[in-house]
PDB file of all heavy atoms in Angstrom:
ATOM      1  N   ALA A   1       0.829  -1.205   0.000  1.00  0.00           N
ATOM      2  CA  ALA A   1       0.000   0.000   0.000  1.00  0.00           C
ATOM      3  C   ALA A   1       0.866   1.258   0.000  1.00  0.00           C
ATOM      4  O   ALA A   1       0.533   2.253  -0.656  1.00  0.00           O
ATOM      5  CB  ALA A   1      -0.927  -0.008   1.213  1.00  0.00           C
ATOM      6  N   LYS A   2       1.977   1.220   0.724  1.00  0.00           N
ATOM      7  CA  LYS A   2       2.881   2.367   0.764  1.00  0.00           C
ATOM      8  C   LYS A   2       3.432   2.669  -0.628  1.00  0.00           C
ATOM      9  O   LYS A   2       3.464   3.830  -1.065  1.00  0.00           O
ATOM     10  CB  LYS A   2       4.031   2.096   1.734  1.00  0.00           C
ATOM     11  CG  LYS A   2       5.033   3.238   1.872  1.00  0.00           C
ATOM     12  CD  LYS A   2       6.079   2.896   2.923  1.00  0.00           C
ATOM     13  CE  LYS A   2       7.059   4.058   3.127  1.00  0.00           C
ATOM     14  NZ  LYS A   2       7.899   4.271   1.925  1.00  0.00           N
ATOM     15  N   MET A   3       3.861   1.625  -1.346  1.00  0.00           N
ATOM     16  CA  MET A   3       4.392   1.824  -2.690  1.00  0.00           C
ATOM     17  C   MET A   3       3.325   2.371  -3.639  1.00  0.00           C
ATOM     18  O   MET A   3       3.568   3.305  -4.406  1.00  0.00           O
ATOM     19  CB  MET A   3       4.940   0.495  -3.235  1.00  0.00           C
ATOM     20  CG  MET A   3       5.501   0.598  -4.648  1.00  0.00           C
ATOM     21  SD  MET A   3       6.320  -0.931  -5.175  1.00  0.00           S
ATOM     22  CE  MET A   3       4.934  -2.084  -5.191  1.00  0.00           C
ATOM     23  N   ALA A   4       2.115   1.797  -3.579  1.00  0.00           N
ATOM     24  CA  ALA A   4       1.037   2.257  -4.454  1.00  0.00           C
ATOM     25  C   ALA A   4       0.629   3.686  -4.108  1.00  0.00           C
ATOM     26  O   ALA A   4       0.378   4.513  -4.999  1.00  0.00           O
ATOM     27  CB  ALA A   4      -0.161   1.319  -4.343  1.00  0.00           C
ATOM     28  N   ARG A   5       0.570   3.999  -2.809  1.00  0.00           N
ATOM     29  CA  ARG A   5       0.180   5.347  -2.386  1.00  0.00           C
ATOM     30  C   ARG A   5       1.172   6.397  -2.898  1.00  0.00           C
ATOM     31  O   ARG A   5       0.769   7.455  -3.404  1.00  0.00           O
ATOM     32  CB  ARG A   5       0.071   5.397  -0.863  1.00  0.00           C
ATOM     33  CG  ARG A   5      -0.384   6.751  -0.331  1.00  0.00           C
ATOM     34  CD  ARG A   5      -0.626   6.704   1.169  1.00  0.00           C
ATOM     35  NE  ARG A   5      -1.860   5.964   1.475  1.00  0.00           N
ATOM     36  CZ  ARG A   5      -1.899   4.825   2.163  1.00  0.00           C
ATOM     37  NH1 ARG A   5      -0.773   4.272   2.609  1.00  0.00           N
ATOM     38  NH2 ARG A   5      -3.055   4.231   2.409  1.00  0.00           N
ATOM     39  N   GLU A   6       2.439   6.097  -2.779  1.00  0.00           N
ATOM     40  CA  GLU A   6       3.457   7.037  -3.250  1.00  0.00           C
ATOM     41  C   GLU A   6       3.328   7.275  -4.749  1.00  0.00           C
ATOM     42  O   GLU A   6       3.460   8.412  -5.223  1.00  0.00           O
ATOM     43  CB  GLU A   6       4.853   6.513  -2.907  1.00  0.00           C
ATOM     44  CG  GLU A   6       5.173   6.570  -1.422  1.00  0.00           C
ATOM     45  CD  GLU A   6       6.502   5.922  -1.076  1.00  0.00           C
ATOM     46  OE1 GLU A   6       7.120   5.306  -1.984  1.00  0.00           O
ATOM     47  OE2 GLU A   6       6.917   6.014   0.091  1.00  0.00           O
ATOM     48  N   LYS A   7       3.055   6.227  -5.496  1.00  0.00           N
ATOM     49  CA  LYS A   7       2.934   6.382  -6.940  1.00  0.00           C
ATOM     50  C   LYS A   7       1.713   7.206  -7.313  1.00  0.00           C
ATOM     51  O   LYS A   7       1.797   8.149  -8.113  1.00  0.00           O
ATOM     52  CB  LYS A   7       2.869   5.010  -7.622  1.00  0.00           C
ATOM     53  CG  LYS A   7       2.795   5.095  -9.143  1.00  0.00           C
ATOM     54  CD  LYS A   7       4.031   5.802  -9.702  1.00  0.00           C
ATOM     55  CE  LYS A   7       3.947   5.988 -11.193  1.00  0.00           C
ATOM     56  NZ  LYS A   7       5.172   6.631 -11.737  1.00  0.00           N
ATOM     57  N   PHE A   8       0.573   6.864  -6.743  1.00  0.00           N
ATOM     58  CA  PHE A   8      -0.650   7.582  -7.120  1.00  0.00           C
ATOM     59  C   PHE A   8      -0.637   9.015  -6.615  1.00  0.00           C
ATOM     60  O   PHE A   8      -1.160   9.914  -7.283  1.00  0.00           O
ATOM     61  CB  PHE A   8      -1.888   6.819  -6.655  1.00  0.00           C
ATOM     62  CG  PHE A   8      -2.302   5.742  -7.612  1.00  0.00           C
ATOM     63  CD1 PHE A   8      -1.809   4.453  -7.485  1.00  0.00           C
ATOM     64  CD2 PHE A   8      -3.165   6.019  -8.664  1.00  0.00           C
ATOM     65  CE1 PHE A   8      -2.166   3.461  -8.383  1.00  0.00           C
ATOM     66  CE2 PHE A   8      -3.533   5.034  -9.573  1.00  0.00           C
ATOM     67  CZ  PHE A   8      -3.029   3.750  -9.429  1.00  0.00           C
ATOM     68  N   GLU A   9      -0.023   9.261  -5.469  1.00  0.00           N
ATOM     69  CA  GLU A   9       0.094  10.640  -5.009  1.00  0.00           C
ATOM     70  C   GLU A   9       0.971  11.456  -5.946  1.00  0.00           C
ATOM     71  O   GLU A   9       0.719  12.638  -6.174  1.00  0.00           O
ATOM     72  CB  GLU A   9       0.643  10.669  -3.573  1.00  0.00           C
ATOM     73  CG  GLU A   9      -0.396  10.244  -2.535  1.00  0.00           C
ATOM     74  CD  GLU A   9       0.154  10.263  -1.122  1.00  0.00           C
ATOM     75  OE1 GLU A   9       1.390  10.417  -0.954  1.00  0.00           O
ATOM     76  OE2 GLU A   9      -0.650  10.117  -0.176  1.00  0.00           O
ATOM     77  N   SER A  10       1.995  10.819  -6.538  1.00  0.00           N
ATOM     78  CA  SER A  10       2.841  11.522  -7.504  1.00  0.00           C
ATOM     79  C   SER A  10       2.071  11.871  -8.778  1.00  0.00           C
ATOM     80  O   SER A  10       2.454  12.788  -9.512  1.00  0.00           O
ATOM     81  CB  SER A  10       4.060  10.674  -7.863  1.00  0.00           C
ATOM     82  OG  SER A  10       3.730   9.614  -8.750  1.00  0.00           O
ATOM     83  N   LEU A  11       0.974  11.148  -9.020  1.00  0.00           N
ATOM     84  CA  LEU A  11       0.123  11.417 -10.183  1.00  0.00           C
ATOM     85  C   LEU A  11      -1.022  12.361  -9.849  1.00  0.00           C
ATOM     86  O   LEU A  11      -1.814  12.715 -10.729  1.00  0.00           O
ATOM     87  CB  LEU A  11      -0.442  10.101 -10.735  1.00  0.00           C
ATOM     88  CG  LEU A  11       0.575   9.069 -11.236  1.00  0.00           C
ATOM     89  CD1 LEU A  11      -0.131   7.801 -11.687  1.00  0.00           C
ATOM     90  CD2 LEU A  11       1.426   9.629 -12.364  1.00  0.00           C
ATOM     91  N   GLY A  12      -1.127  12.736  -8.566  1.00  0.00           N
ATOM     92  CA  GLY A  12      -2.153  13.686  -8.156  1.00  0.00           C
ATOM     93  C   GLY A  12      -3.398  13.073  -7.551  1.00  0.00           C
ATOM     94  O   GLY A  12      -4.418  13.756  -7.413  1.00  0.00           O
ATOM     95  N   TYR A  13      -3.323  11.793  -7.158  1.00  0.00           N
ATOM     96  CA  TYR A  13      -4.485  11.100  -6.591  1.00  0.00           C
ATOM     97  C   TYR A  13      -4.184  10.639  -5.172  1.00  0.00           C
ATOM     98  O   TYR A  13      -3.077  10.180  -4.880  1.00  0.00           O
ATOM     99  CB  TYR A  13      -4.865   9.884  -7.440  1.00  0.00           C
ATOM    100  CG  TYR A  13      -5.205  10.218  -8.869  1.00  0.00           C
ATOM    101  CD1 TYR A  13      -4.252  10.072  -9.880  1.00  0.00           C
ATOM    102  CD2 TYR A  13      -6.465  10.690  -9.215  1.00  0.00           C
ATOM    103  CE1 TYR A  13      -4.560  10.376 -11.195  1.00  0.00           C
ATOM    104  CE2 TYR A  13      -6.777  11.003 -10.528  1.00  0.00           C
ATOM    105  CZ  TYR A  13      -5.822  10.853 -11.509  1.00  0.00           C
ATOM    106  OH  TYR A  13      -6.120  11.173 -12.808  1.00  0.00           O
ATOM    107  N   GLY A  14      -5.184  10.731  -4.296  1.00  0.00           N
ATOM    108  CA  GLY A  14      -5.073  10.113  -2.989  1.00  0.00           C
ATOM    109  C   GLY A  14      -5.335   8.626  -3.105  1.00  0.00           C
ATOM    110  O   GLY A  14      -5.947   8.162  -4.081  1.00  0.00           O
ATOM    111  N   LEU A  15      -4.863   7.856  -2.129  1.00  0.00           N
ATOM    112  CA  LEU A  15      -5.072   6.402  -2.174  1.00  0.00           C
ATOM    113  C   LEU A  15      -5.386   5.880  -0.783  1.00  0.00           C
ATOM    114  O   LEU A  15      -4.693   6.189   0.188  1.00  0.00           O
ATOM    115  CB  LEU A  15      -3.828   5.700  -2.745  1.00  0.00           C
ATOM    116  CG  LEU A  15      -3.932   4.187  -2.922  1.00  0.00           C
ATOM    117  CD1 LEU A  15      -3.270   3.725  -4.224  1.00  0.00           C
ATOM    118  CD2 LEU A  15      -3.322   3.446  -1.723  1.00  0.00           C
ATOM    119  N   ASP A  16      -6.455   5.102  -0.700  1.00  0.00           N
ATOM    120  CA  ASP A  16      -6.845   4.392   0.520  1.00  0.00           C
ATOM    121  C   ASP A  16      -6.704   2.900   0.250  1.00  0.00           C
ATOM    122  O   ASP A  16      -7.165   2.415  -0.785  1.00  0.00           O
ATOM    123  CB  ASP A  16      -8.286   4.713   0.902  1.00  0.00           C
ATOM    124  CG  ASP A  16      -8.515   6.205   1.113  1.00  0.00           C
ATOM    125  OD1 ASP A  16      -7.821   6.788   1.963  1.00  0.00           O
ATOM    126  OD2 ASP A  16      -9.372   6.778   0.413  1.00  0.00           O
ATOM    127  N   SER A  17      -6.067   2.197   1.165  1.00  0.00           N
ATOM    128  CA  SER A  17      -5.920   0.753   0.998  1.00  0.00           C
ATOM    129  C   SER A  17      -7.037   0.030   1.727  1.00  0.00           C
ATOM    130  O   SER A  17      -7.327   0.320   2.892  1.00  0.00           O
ATOM    131  CB  SER A  17      -4.567   0.276   1.523  1.00  0.00           C
ATOM    132  OG  SER A  17      -4.400  -1.102   1.239  1.00  0.00           O
ATOM    133  N   ILE A  18      -7.662  -0.904   1.063  1.00  0.00           N
ATOM    134  CA  ILE A  18      -8.838  -1.569   1.618  1.00  0.00           C
ATOM    135  C   ILE A  18      -8.504  -2.360   2.877  1.00  0.00           C
ATOM    136  O   ILE A  18      -9.366  -2.542   3.744  1.00  0.00           O
ATOM    137  CB  ILE A  18      -9.502  -2.471   0.554  1.00  0.00           C
ATOM    138  CG1 ILE A  18     -10.930  -2.824   0.955  1.00  0.00           C
ATOM    139  CG2 ILE A  18      -8.662  -3.710   0.278  1.00  0.00           C
ATOM    140  CD1 ILE A  18     -11.732  -3.466  -0.164  1.00  0.00           C
ATOM    141  N   HIS A  19      -7.264  -2.801   3.026  1.00  0.00           N
ATOM    142  CA  HIS A  19      -6.909  -3.587   4.210  1.00  0.00           C
ATOM    143  C   HIS A  19      -6.888  -2.731   5.471  1.00  0.00           C
ATOM    144  O   HIS A  19      -6.891  -3.266   6.582  1.00  0.00           O
ATOM    145  CB  HIS A  19      -5.568  -4.288   4.007  1.00  0.00           C
ATOM    146  CG  HIS A  19      -4.368  -3.445   4.282  1.00  0.00           C
ATOM    147  ND1 HIS A  19      -3.927  -2.479   3.400  1.00  0.00           N
ATOM    148  CD2 HIS A  19      -3.526  -3.412   5.342  1.00  0.00           C
ATOM    149  CE1 HIS A  19      -2.848  -1.892   3.904  1.00  0.00           C
ATOM    150  NE2 HIS A  19      -2.590  -2.440   5.077  1.00  0.00           N
ATOM    151  N   GLU A  20      -6.877  -1.422   5.307  1.00  0.00           N
ATOM    152  CA  GLU A  20      -6.895  -0.508   6.451  1.00  0.00           C
ATOM    153  C   GLU A  20      -8.313  -0.157   6.893  1.00  0.00           C
ATOM    154  O   GLU A  20      -8.495   0.484   7.926  1.00  0.00           O
ATOM    155  CB  GLU A  20      -6.147   0.774   6.090  1.00  0.00           C
ATOM    156  CG  GLU A  20      -4.676   0.552   5.744  1.00  0.00           C
ATOM    157  CD  GLU A  20      -4.030   1.746   5.071  1.00  0.00           C
ATOM    158  OE1 GLU A  20      -4.762   2.636   4.601  1.00  0.00           O
ATOM    159  OE2 GLU A  20      -2.786   1.768   5.007  1.00  0.00           O
ATOM    160  N   SER A  21      -9.301  -0.589   6.112  1.00  0.00           N
ATOM    161  CA  SER A  21     -10.684  -0.242   6.416  1.00  0.00           C
ATOM    162  C   SER A  21     -11.307  -1.258   7.369  1.00  0.00           C
ATOM    163  O   SER A  21     -11.147  -2.472   7.185  1.00  0.00           O
ATOM    164  CB  SER A  21     -11.512  -0.193   5.129  1.00  0.00           C
ATOM    165  OG  SER A  21     -12.887  -0.027   5.421  1.00  0.00           O
ATOM    166  N   PRO A  22     -12.051  -0.804   8.383  1.00  0.00           N
ATOM    167  CA  PRO A  22     -12.740  -1.746   9.274  1.00  0.00           C
ATOM    168  C   PRO A  22     -13.908  -2.454   8.586  1.00  0.00           C
ATOM    169  O   PRO A  22     -14.371  -3.488   9.050  1.00  0.00           O
ATOM    170  CB  PRO A  22     -13.231  -0.848  10.418  1.00  0.00           C
ATOM    171  CG  PRO A  22     -13.346   0.515   9.809  1.00  0.00           C
ATOM    172  CD  PRO A  22     -12.253   0.602   8.798  1.00  0.00           C
ATOM    173  N   ASP A  23     -14.370  -1.892   7.461  1.00  0.00           N
ATOM    174  CA  ASP A  23     -15.493  -2.469   6.727  1.00  0.00           C
ATOM    175  C   ASP A  23     -15.161  -2.438   5.239  1.00  0.00           C
ATOM    176  O   ASP A  23     -15.465  -1.464   4.543  1.00  0.00           O
ATOM    177  CB  ASP A  23     -16.772  -1.682   7.004  1.00  0.00           C
ATOM    178  CG  ASP A  23     -18.009  -2.342   6.415  1.00  0.00           C
ATOM    179  OD1 ASP A  23     -17.860  -3.194   5.512  1.00  0.00           O
ATOM    180  OD2 ASP A  23     -19.133  -1.994   6.840  1.00  0.00           O
ATOM    181  N   PRO A  24     -14.494  -3.490   4.703  1.00  0.00           N
ATOM    182  CA  PRO A  24     -14.092  -3.495   3.303  1.00  0.00           C
ATOM    183  C   PRO A  24     -15.258  -3.313   2.322  1.00  0.00           C
ATOM    184  O   PRO A  24     -15.113  -2.638   1.296  1.00  0.00           O
ATOM    185  CB  PRO A  24     -13.433  -4.867   3.127  1.00  0.00           C
ATOM    186  CG  PRO A  24     -12.960  -5.231   4.494  1.00  0.00           C
ATOM    187  CD  PRO A  24     -13.993  -4.681   5.419  1.00  0.00           C
ATOM    188  N   THR A  25     -16.409  -3.895   2.638  1.00  0.00           N
ATOM    189  CA  THR A  25     -17.563  -3.752   1.742  1.00  0.00           C
ATOM    190  C   THR A  25     -18.003  -2.298   1.646  1.00  0.00           C
ATOM    191  O   THR A  25     -18.324  -1.798   0.570  1.00  0.00           O
ATOM    192  CB  THR A  25     -18.731  -4.628   2.237  1.00  0.00           C
ATOM    193  OG1 THR A  25     -18.317  -5.991   2.262  1.00  0.00           O
ATOM    194  CG2 THR A  25     -19.935  -4.497   1.307  1.00  0.00           C
ATOM    195  N   GLU A  26     -18.019  -1.601   2.784  1.00  0.00           N
ATOM    196  CA  GLU A  26     -18.384  -0.193   2.787  1.00  0.00           C
ATOM    197  C   GLU A  26     -17.343   0.635   2.034  1.00  0.00           C
ATOM    198  O   GLU A  26     -17.690   1.605   1.345  1.00  0.00           O
ATOM    199  CB  GLU A  26     -18.503   0.309   4.230  1.00  0.00           C
ATOM    200  CG  GLU A  26     -18.951   1.759   4.360  1.00  0.00           C
ATOM    201  CD  GLU A  26     -20.381   2.004   3.924  1.00  0.00           C
ATOM    202  OE1 GLU A  26     -21.109   1.023   3.612  1.00  0.00           O
ATOM    203  OE2 GLU A  26     -20.785   3.185   3.881  1.00  0.00           O
ATOM    204  N   ALA A  27     -16.083   0.246   2.137  1.00  0.00           N
ATOM    205  CA  ALA A  27     -15.030   0.940   1.397  1.00  0.00           C
ATOM    206  C   ALA A  27     -15.259   0.822  -0.104  1.00  0.00           C
ATOM    207  O   ALA A  27     -15.097   1.792  -0.859  1.00  0.00           O
ATOM    208  CB  ALA A  27     -13.664   0.382   1.775  1.00  0.00           C
ATOM    209  N   VAL A  28     -15.666  -0.360  -0.551  1.00  0.00           N
ATOM    210  CA  VAL A  28     -15.983  -0.546  -1.976  1.00  0.00           C
ATOM    211  C   VAL A  28     -17.195   0.293  -2.356  1.00  0.00           C
ATOM    212  O   VAL A  28     -17.221   0.934  -3.417  1.00  0.00           O
ATOM    213  CB  VAL A  28     -16.223  -2.036  -2.288  1.00  0.00           C
ATOM    214  CG1 VAL A  28     -16.798  -2.210  -3.696  1.00  0.00           C
ATOM    215  CG2 VAL A  28     -14.926  -2.825  -2.138  1.00  0.00           C
ATOM    216  N   ARG A  29     -18.195   0.313  -1.493  1.00  0.00           N
ATOM    217  CA  ARG A  29     -19.420   1.052  -1.792  1.00  0.00           C
ATOM    218  C   ARG A  29     -19.158   2.542  -1.964  1.00  0.00           C
ATOM    219  O   ARG A  29     -19.819   3.207  -2.759  1.00  0.00           O
ATOM    220  CB  ARG A  29     -20.447   0.838  -0.674  1.00  0.00           C
ATOM    221  CG  ARG A  29     -21.842   1.334  -1.011  1.00  0.00           C
ATOM    222  CD  ARG A  29     -22.790   1.190   0.166  1.00  0.00           C
ATOM    223  NE  ARG A  29     -22.475   2.097   1.252  1.00  0.00           N
ATOM    224  CZ  ARG A  29     -22.824   3.386   1.269  1.00  0.00           C
ATOM    225  NH1 ARG A  29     -23.491   3.907   0.251  1.00  0.00           N
ATOM    226  NH2 ARG A  29     -22.502   4.151   2.296  1.00  0.00           N
ATOM    227  N   LYS A  30     -18.163   3.069  -1.232  1.00  0.00           N
ATOM    228  CA  LYS A  30     -17.867   4.495  -1.278  1.00  0.00           C
ATOM    229  C   LYS A  30     -16.752   4.855  -2.256  1.00  0.00           C
ATOM    230  O   LYS A  30     -16.464   6.037  -2.462  1.00  0.00           O
ATOM    231  CB  LYS A  30     -17.482   4.986   0.116  1.00  0.00           C
ATOM    232  CG  LYS A  30     -18.618   4.967   1.124  1.00  0.00           C
ATOM    233  CD  LYS A  30     -18.152   5.484   2.475  1.00  0.00           C
ATOM    234  CE  LYS A  30     -19.299   5.554   3.467  1.00  0.00           C
ATOM    235  NZ  LYS A  30     -18.835   6.047   4.800  1.00  0.00           N
ATOM    236  N   ALA A  31     -16.130   3.859  -2.867  1.00  0.00           N
ATOM    237  CA  ALA A  31     -14.951   4.113  -3.699  1.00  0.00           C
ATOM    238  C   ALA A  31     -15.285   4.923  -4.949  1.00  0.00           C
ATOM    239  O   ALA A  31     -16.321   4.713  -5.585  1.00  0.00           O
ATOM    240  CB  ALA A  31     -14.304   2.790  -4.099  1.00  0.00           C
ATOM    241  N   GLU A  32     -14.389   5.827  -5.298  1.00  0.00           N
ATOM    242  CA  GLU A  32     -14.493   6.576  -6.553  1.00  0.00           C
ATOM    243  C   GLU A  32     -13.887   5.784  -7.708  1.00  0.00           C
ATOM    244  O   GLU A  32     -14.284   5.936  -8.863  1.00  0.00           O
ATOM    245  CB  GLU A  32     -13.755   7.910  -6.434  1.00  0.00           C
ATOM    246  CG  GLU A  32     -14.282   8.852  -5.382  1.00  0.00           C
ATOM    247  CD  GLU A  32     -13.426  10.100  -5.303  1.00  0.00           C
ATOM    248  OE1 GLU A  32     -13.086  10.682  -6.354  1.00  0.00           O
ATOM    249  OE2 GLU A  32     -13.079  10.502  -4.178  1.00  0.00           O
ATOM    250  N   ALA A  33     -12.886   4.963  -7.404  1.00  0.00           N
ATOM    251  CA  ALA A  33     -12.209   4.115  -8.390  1.00  0.00           C
ATOM    252  C   ALA A  33     -11.517   3.000  -7.626  1.00  0.00           C
ATOM    253  O   ALA A  33     -11.170   3.153  -6.448  1.00  0.00           O
ATOM    254  CB  ALA A  33     -11.202   4.912  -9.206  1.00  0.00           C
ATOM    255  N   ILE A  34     -11.295   1.880  -8.277  1.00  0.00           N
ATOM    256  CA  ILE A  34     -10.667   0.714  -7.651  1.00  0.00           C
ATOM    257  C   ILE A  34      -9.430   0.327  -8.442  1.00  0.00           C
ATOM    258  O   ILE A  34      -9.464   0.251  -9.675  1.00  0.00           O
ATOM    259  CB  ILE A  34     -11.638  -0.478  -7.587  1.00  0.00           C
ATOM    260  CG1 ILE A  34     -12.814  -0.156  -6.659  1.00  0.00           C
ATOM    261  CG2 ILE A  34     -10.928  -1.748  -7.117  1.00  0.00           C
ATOM    262  CD1 ILE A  34     -13.908  -1.205  -6.665  1.00  0.00           C
ATOM    263  N   PHE A  35      -8.332   0.077  -7.721  1.00  0.00           N
ATOM    264  CA  PHE A  35      -7.111  -0.454  -8.325  1.00  0.00           C
ATOM    265  C   PHE A  35      -6.728  -1.730  -7.588  1.00  0.00           C
ATOM    266  O   PHE A  35      -6.499  -1.722  -6.384  1.00  0.00           O
ATOM    267  CB  PHE A  35      -5.973   0.564  -8.255  1.00  0.00           C
ATOM    268  CG  PHE A  35      -4.620   0.006  -8.629  1.00  0.00           C
ATOM    269  CD1 PHE A  35      -4.470  -0.810  -9.740  1.00  0.00           C
ATOM    270  CD2 PHE A  35      -3.496   0.296  -7.864  1.00  0.00           C
ATOM    271  CE1 PHE A  35      -3.232  -1.327 -10.095  1.00  0.00           C
ATOM    272  CE2 PHE A  35      -2.253  -0.207  -8.205  1.00  0.00           C
ATOM    273  CZ  PHE A  35      -2.116  -1.020  -9.320  1.00  0.00           C
TER     274      PHE A  35
END
């Protein structure tokens, strides 16, 4: 997640990793995009 976050932030996007979410299904429901 750290590697992916650094890359996407360099492209101008924030990144949330699903493994950090207490409710992965809710994280998917609220996601703007999935990688």
